[in-house]
Each structure stands twice: as C-alpha cells, then as structure tokens.
Amino acid sequence: MLYLILAIICSTLISVIMRLSSHRVSSRLNMLAVNYLTCLGLGIVSAGFANVFPAHESTNTTLLMGIGNGILYLSSFMLMQNSIKKYGVVLPSTFMKLGLLVPMVFSILVFGEMPTWMQLVGFALAVFAIVLINSEPGQSAAGIKPDLILLLIIGGAGDAMSKVFEETGAPQLSSQFLLYTFGAAFLLCCVLMLLRKEKLQGSAVLFGLLIGIPNYYSAKFLLQSLSDIPAVIAYPTYSVATILAITLVGIVFFKEKLSRRQWVSLSIILAALILLNI
C-alpha cells in the first residue's frame, strides 16, 4: 500500500505543476519532450549505466514491451490534445480517467483477479463519481465520437501494459522497462518536434524537468504496487484518490470553489475508496 500512496502523491504533484505551467508554457510538446528526457535520465540512473541493455534472456521482450508502452503514452497525450480542441476539456478528461476500466477488465479476464462484491460496488461508485465530477449541467453525450472511445482504450492500455509486465516480465528488469518506455516516448516526441519545426523554450525546459521527476516515480511506484495489490484494486484506487488529492490541493492552495455536484462527487469518491480497500 505504501507504493500506491507514493504513486498517488507523485501523480498529484504532476497535476499541480502542470497547473502552474498553464500560463507559462506555450508549447506542450516541448514540455512533454523534456519531461520524457528527464524520466529517461532517471531510468538510466535507476538501472545503472552498465545495465541499460543487460545480458538477460528477457531483455528483448522487455524492450518491446517498453517501446509499445512508450507509443501508448505519447498517443494518449496526442489524442487528448486533439479531443480537447474538438470537444473542450470536460468530455476528454472524463474518458481519459475512465481508462481505468481497461486494466481492470483486462486483469479480470486475462489474469483472473476477481474483486469482492464490496470492491465491485466501490469500483462502480468510482466510475460514477468520475463521470459526475467531470460533467456539467445540461451537457449531452450525444455528440460523442469514436475518437473519445479510442482515447479511453489507448489511455487505459498504457496502464494495462504495466500489469502485463508485472505478470509476465522479469522483476529485475522493471527499471529497464520504464527506461525503454520513456526512451521511446522521448524519441517520438523529438520526431514530432522536428516535423512541426518547434524550438525549445526556457520555460518548457524548466517545467518539463519539474514534471519529469514525479512522472517517473509515479510510474515506478505504481508498477511496484502491482506486486502487492491486485490491479482491480490498485488502478481504481490510484485514479479516484488522485482526483481527491488534486481537488483538495485546488481548494487549499488555489482557492478553487466547488459546486454542489463536485462536493457530492467527492463524497462518493471517499465512499468508493473505503469500499475498494475493504
């Protein structure tokens, strides 16, 4: 449980730093590239410079899983950006958070991790709370397009890949798995920057570095938590607890005001957290 709590704290820090960068960084792709470069550097330090490509029978498999994960990471970000341009913030944010459905269903169907009835109720409450806290009165879902479903699937598939590695990969190569993940995402970012002819900005470098540190450790701690906690519990707990923590930070430090709907959602999230961990 300690690793899951640390992952939640790091994930919350990512959102806080991104909030601070919103009016200071004009190119999100710049910031994302520096973020992935920072994660790559931390991955190399964690694995050891001499062990970037260790002589292990599972190294090639780990490399392929890491590259696939890196592609999913960057693809979900690009889909998120495009969806926000089309539909605004609310619907894409909701579908991105609902990506937790993917690793949970995957863990049940493939790895046979069955939650208790209490935990199923907690999961249902968590999904309902995510939809409620991100919805607006009078908003219709009639305009939902397939690309939002794709966002949910690809975003959730990135989380599911960590579960696949935890179940099938070599535990001693977990640092390499993250290293390859962030390395692939960084290289793809560089390609996109070249295609768009974007230049690095000082503010993007600073905030990319600040985001990269908690981003790496969030992924690392979440991966470590999967060895102790079933994915059907870890992912929904991670998602809703992060939402709760970010909301509390917004109230305390950014003086944000919540609507009645959001207060009700937070109450449901608390109930979901309790049920998920009974």
C-alpha atoms as a PDB file:
ATOM      1  CA  MET A   1       0.000   0.000   0.000  1.00  0.00           C
ATOM      2  CA  LEU A   2       2.954   2.346   0.654  1.00  0.00           C
ATOM      3  CA  TYR A   3       3.995   2.277  -3.009  1.00  0.00           C
ATOM      4  CA  LEU A   4       0.431   3.048  -4.116  1.00  0.00           C
ATOM      5  CA  ILE A   5       0.246   6.035  -1.745  1.00  0.00           C
ATOM      6  CA  LEU A   6       3.581   7.329  -3.076  1.00  0.00           C
ATOM      7  CA  ALA A   7       2.309   6.914  -6.656  1.00  0.00           C
ATOM      8  CA  ILE A   8      -0.794   8.950  -5.791  1.00  0.00           C
ATOM      9  CA  ILE A   9       1.328  11.717  -4.243  1.00  0.00           C
ATOM     10  CA  CYS A  10       3.578  11.863  -7.329  1.00  0.00           C
ATOM     11  CA  SER A  11       0.590  11.886  -9.682  1.00  0.00           C
ATOM     12  CA  THR A  12      -0.910  14.767  -7.721  1.00  0.00           C
ATOM     13  CA  LEU A  13       2.360  16.705  -7.992  1.00  0.00           C
ATOM     14  CA  ILE A  14       2.293  16.263 -11.787  1.00  0.00           C
ATOM     15  CA  SER A  15      -1.137  17.906 -11.998  1.00  0.00           C
ATOM     16  CA  VAL A  16      -0.138  20.736  -9.663  1.00  0.00           C
ATOM     17  CA  ILE A  17       2.992  21.527 -11.682  1.00  0.00           C
ATOM     18  CA  MET A  18       1.028  21.367 -14.943  1.00  0.00           C
ATOM     19  CA  ARG A  19      -1.470  23.782 -13.438  1.00  0.00           C
ATOM     20  CA  LEU A  20       1.375  26.172 -12.595  1.00  0.00           C
ATOM     21  CA  SER A  21       2.770  25.843 -16.126  1.00  0.00           C
ATOM     22  CA  SER A  22      -0.532  26.523 -17.915  1.00  0.00           C
ATOM     23  CA  HIS A  23       0.140  30.258 -18.418  1.00  0.00           C
ATOM     24  CA  ARG A  24       3.915  29.978 -18.679  1.00  0.00           C
ATOM     25  CA  VAL A  25       4.468  27.339 -21.374  1.00  0.00           C
ATOM     26  CA  SER A  26       3.126  27.835 -24.882  1.00  0.00           C
ATOM     27  CA  SER A  27       4.328  24.528 -26.355  1.00  0.00           C
ATOM     28  CA  ARG A  28       3.054  21.456 -24.512  1.00  0.00           C
ATOM     29  CA  LEU A  29       5.041  19.197 -26.837  1.00  0.00           C
ATOM     30  CA  ASN A  30       8.286  20.944 -25.806  1.00  0.00           C
ATOM     31  CA  MET A  31       7.472  20.425 -22.157  1.00  0.00           C
ATOM     32  CA  LEU A  32       6.474  16.819 -22.769  1.00  0.00           C
ATOM     33  CA  ALA A  33       9.766  16.064 -24.535  1.00  0.00           C
ATOM     34  CA  VAL A  34      11.819  17.445 -21.640  1.00  0.00           C
ATOM     35  CA  ASN A  35       9.601  15.552 -19.215  1.00  0.00           C
ATOM     36  CA  TYR A  36      10.298  12.255 -21.019  1.00  0.00           C
ATOM     37  CA  LEU A  37      14.014  13.074 -21.273  1.00  0.00           C
ATOM     38  CA  THR A  38      14.082  13.615 -17.513  1.00  0.00           C
ATOM     39  CA  CYS A  39      12.285  10.294 -16.971  1.00  0.00           C
ATOM     40  CA  LEU A  40      14.751   8.608 -19.329  1.00  0.00           C
ATOM     41  CA  GLY A  41      17.691  10.016 -17.342  1.00  0.00           C
ATOM     42  CA  LEU A  42      16.202   8.822 -14.047  1.00  0.00           C
ATOM     43  CA  GLY A  43      15.588   5.418 -15.637  1.00  0.00           C
ATOM     44  CA  ILE A  44      19.226   5.130 -16.701  1.00  0.00           C
ATOM     45  CA  VAL A  45      20.404   6.110 -13.211  1.00  0.00           C
ATOM     46  CA  SER A  46      17.997   3.614 -11.629  1.00  0.00           C
ATOM     47  CA  ALA A  47      19.007   0.762 -13.934  1.00  0.00           C
ATOM     48  CA  GLY A  48      22.696   1.656 -13.869  1.00  0.00           C
ATOM     49  CA  PHE A  49      24.669   2.897 -16.856  1.00  0.00           C
ATOM     50  CA  ALA A  50      26.155  -0.559 -17.404  1.00  0.00           C
ATOM     51  CA  ASN A  51      22.726  -2.229 -17.314  1.00  0.00           C
ATOM     52  CA  VAL A  52      20.781  -0.285 -19.904  1.00  0.00           C
ATOM     53  CA  PHE A  53      20.756  -3.439 -22.069  1.00  0.00           C
ATOM     54  CA  PRO A  54      21.627  -6.211 -19.602  1.00  0.00           C
ATOM     55  CA  ALA A  55      22.622  -9.704 -20.679  1.00  0.00           C
ATOM     56  CA  HIS A  56      19.328 -11.306 -19.698  1.00  0.00           C
ATOM     57  CA  GLU A  57      17.062 -13.646 -21.644  1.00  0.00           C
ATOM     58  CA  SER A  58      14.092 -11.285 -21.151  1.00  0.00           C
ATOM     59  CA  THR A  59      15.843  -8.066 -22.231  1.00  0.00           C
ATOM     60  CA  ASN A  60      14.484  -8.122 -25.798  1.00  0.00           C
ATOM     61  CA  THR A  61      10.935  -8.838 -24.589  1.00  0.00           C
ATOM     62  CA  THR A  62      11.214  -6.047 -22.016  1.00  0.00           C
ATOM     63  CA  LEU A  63      12.481  -3.699 -24.738  1.00  0.00           C
ATOM     64  CA  LEU A  64       9.498  -4.477 -26.975  1.00  0.00           C
ATOM     65  CA  MET A  65       7.007  -4.004 -24.111  1.00  0.00           C
ATOM     66  CA  GLY A  66       8.680  -0.735 -23.141  1.00  0.00           C
ATOM     67  CA  ILE A  67       8.582   0.605 -26.714  1.00  0.00           C
ATOM     68  CA  GLY A  68       4.914  -0.373 -27.003  1.00  0.00           C
ATOM     69  CA  ASN A  69       4.185   1.344 -23.711  1.00  0.00           C
ATOM     70  CA  GLY A  70       6.015   4.491 -24.813  1.00  0.00           C
ATOM     71  CA  ILE A  71       3.948   4.618 -28.023  1.00  0.00           C
ATOM     72  CA  LEU A  72       0.761   4.288 -25.949  1.00  0.00           C
ATOM     73  CA  TYR A  73       1.920   7.053 -23.558  1.00  0.00           C
ATOM     74  CA  LEU A  74       2.521   9.579 -26.319  1.00  0.00           C
ATOM     75  CA  SER A  75      -0.503   8.501 -28.388  1.00  0.00           C
ATOM     76  CA  SER A  76      -2.851   9.079 -25.446  1.00  0.00           C
ATOM     77  CA  PHE A  77      -1.385  12.554 -24.945  1.00  0.00           C
ATOM     78  CA  MET A  78      -1.813  13.475 -28.612  1.00  0.00           C
ATOM     79  CA  LEU A  79      -5.366  12.082 -28.658  1.00  0.00           C
ATOM     80  CA  MET A  80      -6.126  14.058 -25.508  1.00  0.00           C
ATOM     81  CA  GLN A  81      -4.892  17.273 -27.109  1.00  0.00           C
ATOM     82  CA  ASN A  82      -6.896  16.729 -30.295  1.00  0.00           C
ATOM     83  CA  SER A  83     -10.034  15.784 -28.349  1.00  0.00           C
ATOM     84  CA  ILE A  84      -9.801  18.933 -26.209  1.00  0.00           C
ATOM     85  CA  LYS A  85      -9.680  21.034 -29.381  1.00  0.00           C
ATOM     86  CA  LYS A  86     -12.844  19.306 -30.667  1.00  0.00           C
ATOM     87  CA  TYR A  87     -14.941  18.816 -27.540  1.00  0.00           C
ATOM     88  CA  GLY A  88     -13.472  21.054 -24.837  1.00  0.00           C
ATOM     89  CA  VAL A  89     -11.945  19.804 -21.608  1.00  0.00           C
ATOM     90  CA  VAL A  90     -14.829  18.011 -19.885  1.00  0.00           C
ATOM     91  CA  LEU A  91     -15.571  15.011 -22.121  1.00  0.00           C
ATOM     92  CA  PRO A  92     -11.927  14.118 -22.958  1.00  0.00           C
ATOM     93  CA  SER A  93     -10.927  14.375 -19.278  1.00  0.00           C
ATOM     94  CA  THR A  94     -13.771  12.081 -18.288  1.00  0.00           C
ATOM     95  CA  PHE A  95     -12.930   9.472 -20.927  1.00  0.00           C
ATOM     96  CA  MET A  96      -9.227   9.625 -20.061  1.00  0.00           C
ATOM     97  CA  LYS A  97      -9.965   8.953 -16.391  1.00  0.00           C
ATOM     98  CA  LEU A  98     -12.379   6.166 -17.323  1.00  0.00           C
ATOM     99  CA  GLY A  99      -9.408   4.446 -18.933  1.00  0.00           C
ATOM    100  CA  LEU A 100      -9.069   2.640 -15.591  1.00  0.00           C
ATOM    101  CA  LEU A 101     -11.765   0.312 -16.968  1.00  0.00           C
ATOM    102  CA  VAL A 102      -9.226  -1.203 -19.363  1.00  0.00           C
ATOM    103  CA  PRO A 103      -6.623  -2.565 -16.908  1.00  0.00           C
ATOM    104  CA  MET A 104      -9.354  -3.686 -14.515  1.00  0.00           C
ATOM    105  CA  VAL A 105     -11.303  -5.662 -17.122  1.00  0.00           C
ATOM    106  CA  PHE A 106      -8.040  -6.969 -18.559  1.00  0.00           C
ATOM    107  CA  SER A 107      -6.886  -8.197 -15.144  1.00  0.00           C
ATOM    108  CA  ILE A 108     -10.200  -9.975 -14.549  1.00  0.00           C
ATOM    109  CA  LEU A 109     -10.383 -11.643 -17.967  1.00  0.00           C
ATOM    110  CA  VAL A 110      -6.705 -12.474 -18.512  1.00  0.00           C
ATOM    111  CA  PHE A 111      -5.174 -12.871 -15.065  1.00  0.00           C
ATOM    112  CA  GLY A 112      -8.266 -13.974 -13.132  1.00  0.00           C
ATOM    113  CA  GLU A 113      -8.094 -11.254 -10.469  1.00  0.00           C
ATOM    114  CA  MET A 114     -11.630 -11.268  -9.097  1.00  0.00           C
ATOM    115  CA  PRO A 115     -12.702  -8.407  -6.790  1.00  0.00           C
ATOM    116  CA  THR A 116     -15.080  -8.935  -3.891  1.00  0.00           C
ATOM    117  CA  TRP A 117     -18.674  -7.679  -4.085  1.00  0.00           C
ATOM    118  CA  MET A 118     -17.744  -4.728  -1.870  1.00  0.00           C
ATOM    119  CA  GLN A 119     -14.880  -3.836  -4.180  1.00  0.00           C
ATOM    120  CA  LEU A 120     -17.138  -4.117  -7.238  1.00  0.00           C
ATOM    121  CA  VAL A 121     -19.558  -1.676  -5.636  1.00  0.00           C
ATOM    122  CA  GLY A 122     -16.613   0.608  -4.836  1.00  0.00           C
ATOM    123  CA  PHE A 123     -15.436   0.409  -8.450  1.00  0.00           C
ATOM    124  CA  ALA A 124     -18.924   1.234  -9.765  1.00  0.00           C
ATOM    125  CA  LEU A 125     -19.098   4.217  -7.388  1.00  0.00           C
ATOM    126  CA  ALA A 126     -15.642   5.342  -8.541  1.00  0.00           C
ATOM    127  CA  VAL A 127     -16.701   5.302 -12.210  1.00  0.00           C
ATOM    128  CA  PHE A 128     -19.931   7.142 -11.390  1.00  0.00           C
ATOM    129  CA  ALA A 129     -18.035   9.769  -9.364  1.00  0.00           C
ATOM    130  CA  ILE A 130     -15.532  10.335 -12.195  1.00  0.00           C
ATOM    131  CA  VAL A 131     -18.365  10.950 -14.653  1.00  0.00           C
ATOM    132  CA  LEU A 132     -20.238  13.158 -12.192  1.00  0.00           C
ATOM    133  CA  ILE A 133     -17.301  15.342 -11.158  1.00  0.00           C
ATOM    134  CA  ASN A 134     -16.374  15.958 -14.805  1.00  0.00           C
ATOM    135  CA  SER A 135     -19.892  16.592 -16.079  1.00  0.00           C
ATOM    136  CA  GLU A 136     -21.705  19.872 -16.445  1.00  0.00           C
ATOM    137  CA  PRO A 137     -25.429  20.521 -16.050  1.00  0.00           C
ATOM    138  CA  GLY A 138     -27.261  20.274 -19.350  1.00  0.00           C
ATOM    139  CA  GLN A 139     -24.317  18.719 -21.175  1.00  0.00           C
ATOM    140  CA  SER A 140     -25.297  15.999 -23.637  1.00  0.00           C
ATOM    141  CA  ALA A 141     -23.198  12.972 -24.574  1.00  0.00           C
ATOM    142  CA  ALA A 142     -24.984  12.691 -27.919  1.00  0.00           C
ATOM    143  CA  GLY A 143     -22.046  14.196 -29.742  1.00  0.00           C
ATOM    144  CA  ILE A 144     -19.540  11.624 -28.518  1.00  0.00           C
ATOM    145  CA  LYS A 145     -17.289  10.436 -31.327  1.00  0.00           C
ATOM    146  CA  PRO A 146     -15.289   7.202 -31.734  1.00  0.00           C
ATOM    147  CA  ASP A 147     -12.060   9.095 -31.041  1.00  0.00           C
ATOM    148  CA  LEU A 148     -13.152   9.549 -27.410  1.00  0.00           C
ATOM    149  CA  ILE A 149     -13.606   5.796 -27.092  1.00  0.00           C
ATOM    150  CA  LEU A 150     -10.154   5.401 -28.653  1.00  0.00           C
ATOM    151  CA  LEU A 151      -8.767   7.822 -26.055  1.00  0.00           C
ATOM    152  CA  LEU A 152     -10.250   5.694 -23.257  1.00  0.00           C
ATOM    153  CA  ILE A 153      -8.831   2.472 -24.741  1.00  0.00           C
ATOM    154  CA  ILE A 154      -5.325   3.748 -25.513  1.00  0.00           C
ATOM    155  CA  GLY A 155      -5.010   5.633 -22.220  1.00  0.00           C
ATOM    156  CA  GLY A 156      -6.120   2.546 -20.303  1.00  0.00           C
ATOM    157  CA  ALA A 157      -3.933   0.241 -22.401  1.00  0.00           C
ATOM    158  CA  GLY A 158      -0.863   2.135 -21.197  1.00  0.00           C
ATOM    159  CA  ASP A 159      -1.810   1.281 -17.619  1.00  0.00           C
ATOM    160  CA  ALA A 160      -2.618  -2.306 -18.575  1.00  0.00           C
ATOM    161  CA  MET A 161       0.862  -2.723 -20.091  1.00  0.00           C
ATOM    162  CA  SER A 162       2.383  -2.245 -16.623  1.00  0.00           C
ATOM    163  CA  LYS A 163       0.221  -5.110 -15.371  1.00  0.00           C
ATOM    164  CA  VAL A 164       1.311  -7.283 -18.296  1.00  0.00           C
ATOM    165  CA  PHE A 165       4.959  -6.637 -17.449  1.00  0.00           C
ATOM    166  CA  GLU A 166       4.384  -7.282 -13.751  1.00  0.00           C
ATOM    167  CA  GLU A 167       2.798 -10.647 -14.569  1.00  0.00           C
ATOM    168  CA  THR A 168       4.980 -11.844 -17.447  1.00  0.00           C
ATOM    169  CA  GLY A 169       8.220  -9.844 -17.310  1.00  0.00           C
ATOM    170  CA  ALA A 170      11.361 -10.317 -15.268  1.00  0.00           C
ATOM    171  CA  PRO A 171      11.048  -8.402 -11.954  1.00  0.00           C
ATOM    172  CA  GLN A 172      14.754  -7.492 -12.015  1.00  0.00           C
ATOM    173  CA  LEU A 173      14.188  -5.626 -15.290  1.00  0.00           C
ATOM    174  CA  SER A 174      11.485  -3.266 -14.015  1.00  0.00           C
ATOM    175  CA  SER A 175      13.861  -0.282 -14.193  1.00  0.00           C
ATOM    176  CA  GLN A 176      14.721  -1.181 -17.780  1.00  0.00           C
ATOM    177  CA  PHE A 177      11.025  -1.463 -18.666  1.00  0.00           C
ATOM    178  CA  LEU A 178      10.442   2.130 -17.518  1.00  0.00           C
ATOM    179  CA  LEU A 179      13.669   3.264 -19.173  1.00  0.00           C
ATOM    180  CA  TYR A 180      12.584   1.824 -22.545  1.00  0.00           C
ATOM    181  CA  THR A 181       9.073   3.240 -22.091  1.00  0.00           C
ATOM    182  CA  PHE A 182      10.227   6.806 -21.548  1.00  0.00           C
ATOM    183  CA  GLY A 183      13.040   6.468 -24.096  1.00  0.00           C
ATOM    184  CA  ALA A 184      10.561   5.510 -26.826  1.00  0.00           C
ATOM    185  CA  ALA A 185       8.188   8.322 -25.835  1.00  0.00           C
ATOM    186  CA  PHE A 186      11.062  10.840 -25.876  1.00  0.00           C
ATOM    187  CA  LEU A 187      12.261   9.795 -29.333  1.00  0.00           C
ATOM    188  CA  LEU A 188       8.733  10.020 -30.735  1.00  0.00           C
ATOM    189  CA  CYS A 189       8.382  13.488 -29.183  1.00  0.00           C
ATOM    190  CA  CYS A 190      11.604  14.581 -30.872  1.00  0.00           C
ATOM    191  CA  VAL A 191      10.312  13.337 -34.236  1.00  0.00           C
ATOM    192  CA  LEU A 192       7.076  15.317 -33.791  1.00  0.00           C
ATOM    193  CA  MET A 193       9.027  18.435 -32.793  1.00  0.00           C
ATOM    194  CA  LEU A 194      11.165  18.142 -35.931  1.00  0.00           C
ATOM    195  CA  LEU A 195       8.108  17.665 -38.133  1.00  0.00           C
ATOM    196  CA  ARG A 196       6.439  20.696 -36.555  1.00  0.00           C
ATOM    197  CA  LYS A 197       9.709  22.669 -36.558  1.00  0.00           C
ATOM    198  CA  GLU A 198       9.294  23.572 -32.900  1.00  0.00           C
ATOM    199  CA  LYS A 199      12.157  25.059 -30.914  1.00  0.00           C
ATOM    200  CA  LEU A 200      12.828  24.520 -27.232  1.00  0.00           C
ATOM    201  CA  GLN A 201      11.721  27.256 -24.827  1.00  0.00           C
ATOM    202  CA  GLY A 202      13.322  28.003 -21.471  1.00  0.00           C
ATOM    203  CA  SER A 203      10.028  27.736 -19.574  1.00  0.00           C
ATOM    204  CA  ALA A 204       9.245  24.402 -21.257  1.00  0.00           C
ATOM    205  CA  VAL A 205      12.630  23.035 -20.153  1.00  0.00           C
ATOM    206  CA  LEU A 206      12.077  24.133 -16.551  1.00  0.00           C
ATOM    207  CA  PHE A 207       8.553  22.767 -16.192  1.00  0.00           C
ATOM    208  CA  GLY A 208       9.368  19.654 -18.209  1.00  0.00           C
ATOM    209  CA  LEU A 209      12.125  18.891 -15.729  1.00  0.00           C
ATOM    210  CA  LEU A 210       9.853  19.564 -12.753  1.00  0.00           C
ATOM    211  CA  ILE A 211       7.119  17.319 -14.163  1.00  0.00           C
ATOM    212  CA  GLY A 212       9.526  14.574 -15.227  1.00  0.00           C
ATOM    213  CA  ILE A 213      10.689  13.757 -11.698  1.00  0.00           C
ATOM    214  CA  PRO A 214       7.266  12.936 -10.185  1.00  0.00           C
ATOM    215  CA  ASN A 215       6.155  11.417 -13.515  1.00  0.00           C
ATOM    216  CA  TYR A 216       8.952   8.833 -13.404  1.00  0.00           C
ATOM    217  CA  TYR A 217       8.388   7.960  -9.771  1.00  0.00           C
ATOM    218  CA  SER A 218       4.623   7.815 -10.201  1.00  0.00           C
ATOM    219  CA  ALA A 219       5.080   5.128 -12.877  1.00  0.00           C
ATOM    220  CA  LYS A 220       7.745   3.357 -10.819  1.00  0.00           C
ATOM    221  CA  PHE A 221       5.731   3.278  -7.590  1.00  0.00           C
ATOM    222  CA  LEU A 222       2.540   2.201  -9.388  1.00  0.00           C
ATOM    223  CA  LEU A 223       4.439  -0.656 -11.040  1.00  0.00           C
ATOM    224  CA  GLN A 224       5.879  -1.694  -7.671  1.00  0.00           C
ATOM    225  CA  SER A 225       2.458  -1.551  -6.028  1.00  0.00           C
ATOM    226  CA  LEU A 226       1.115  -4.141  -8.504  1.00  0.00           C
ATOM    227  CA  SER A 227       3.303  -6.803  -6.903  1.00  0.00           C
ATOM    228  CA  ASP A 228       1.359  -6.421  -3.627  1.00  0.00           C
ATOM    229  CA  ILE A 229      -2.085  -5.162  -4.650  1.00  0.00           C
ATOM    230  CA  PRO A 230      -4.372  -6.666  -7.337  1.00  0.00           C
ATOM    231  CA  ALA A 231      -4.724  -4.432 -10.384  1.00  0.00           C
ATOM    232  CA  VAL A 232      -8.525  -4.441  -9.992  1.00  0.00           C
ATOM    233  CA  ILE A 233      -7.971  -2.561  -6.722  1.00  0.00           C
ATOM    234  CA  ALA A 234      -4.774  -0.620  -7.443  1.00  0.00           C
ATOM    235  CA  TYR A 235      -5.940   1.203 -10.591  1.00  0.00           C
ATOM    236  CA  PRO A 236      -9.329   2.498  -9.425  1.00  0.00           C
ATOM    237  CA  THR A 237      -7.825   3.449  -6.034  1.00  0.00           C
ATOM    238  CA  TYR A 238      -4.979   5.262  -7.793  1.00  0.00           C
ATOM    239  CA  SER A 239      -7.379   7.116 -10.094  1.00  0.00           C
ATOM    240  CA  VAL A 240     -10.006   8.286  -7.613  1.00  0.00           C
ATOM    241  CA  ALA A 241      -7.516   9.024  -4.812  1.00  0.00           C
ATOM    242  CA  THR A 242      -5.526  11.218  -7.204  1.00  0.00           C
ATOM    243  CA  ILE A 243      -8.706  13.084  -8.176  1.00  0.00           C
ATOM    244  CA  LEU A 244      -9.494  13.609  -4.493  1.00  0.00           C
ATOM    245  CA  ALA A 245      -5.973  14.811  -3.686  1.00  0.00           C
ATOM    246  CA  ILE A 246      -5.861  17.196  -6.668  1.00  0.00           C
ATOM    247  CA  THR A 247      -9.245  18.641  -5.711  1.00  0.00           C
ATOM    248  CA  LEU A 248      -8.149  19.211  -2.115  1.00  0.00           C
ATOM    249  CA  VAL A 249      -4.953  20.920  -3.314  1.00  0.00           C
ATOM    250  CA  GLY A 250      -7.062  23.117  -5.591  1.00  0.00           C
ATOM    251  CA  ILE A 251      -9.292  24.148  -2.681  1.00  0.00           C
ATOM    252  CA  VAL A 252      -6.485  24.796  -0.200  1.00  0.00           C
ATOM    253  CA  PHE A 253      -3.735  26.306  -2.364  1.00  0.00           C
ATOM    254  CA  PHE A 254      -5.518  27.669  -5.450  1.00  0.00           C
ATOM    255  CA  LYS A 255      -8.667  28.801  -3.605  1.00  0.00           C
ATOM    256  CA  GLU A 256     -10.948  26.993  -6.054  1.00  0.00           C
ATOM    257  CA  LYS A 257     -14.669  26.876  -5.340  1.00  0.00           C
ATOM    258  CA  LEU A 258     -16.577  23.647  -5.808  1.00  0.00           C
ATOM    259  CA  SER A 259     -20.139  23.265  -6.968  1.00  0.00           C
ATOM    260  CA  ARG A 260     -22.657  21.147  -5.087  1.00  0.00           C
ATOM    261  CA  ARG A 261     -22.237  18.472  -7.777  1.00  0.00           C
ATOM    262  CA  GLN A 262     -18.478  18.350  -7.139  1.00  0.00           C
ATOM    263  CA  TRP A 263     -18.926  18.070  -3.357  1.00  0.00           C
ATOM    264  CA  VAL A 264     -21.312  15.176  -3.889  1.00  0.00           C
ATOM    265  CA  SER A 265     -18.768  13.577  -6.234  1.00  0.00           C
ATOM    266  CA  LEU A 266     -16.022  13.876  -3.625  1.00  0.00           C
ATOM    267  CA  SER A 267     -18.249  12.227  -1.026  1.00  0.00           C
ATOM    268  CA  ILE A 268     -18.871   9.347  -3.437  1.00  0.00           C
ATOM    269  CA  ILE A 269     -15.125   9.084  -4.103  1.00  0.00           C
ATOM    270  CA  LEU A 270     -14.436   8.756  -0.379  1.00  0.00           C
ATOM    271  CA  ALA A 271     -17.038   6.000  -0.112  1.00  0.00           C
ATOM    272  CA  ALA A 272     -15.531   4.271  -3.167  1.00  0.00           C
ATOM    273  CA  LEU A 273     -12.025   4.394  -1.663  1.00  0.00           C
ATOM    274  CA  ILE A 274     -13.277   2.798   1.549  1.00  0.00           C
ATOM    275  CA  LEU A 275     -15.122   0.007  -0.302  1.00  0.00           C
ATOM    276  CA  LEU A 276     -12.220  -0.662  -2.677  1.00  0.00           C
ATOM    277  CA  ASN A 277      -9.866  -1.272   0.214  1.00  0.00           C
ATOM    278  CA  ILE A 278     -12.104  -3.347   2.489  1.00  0.00           C
END
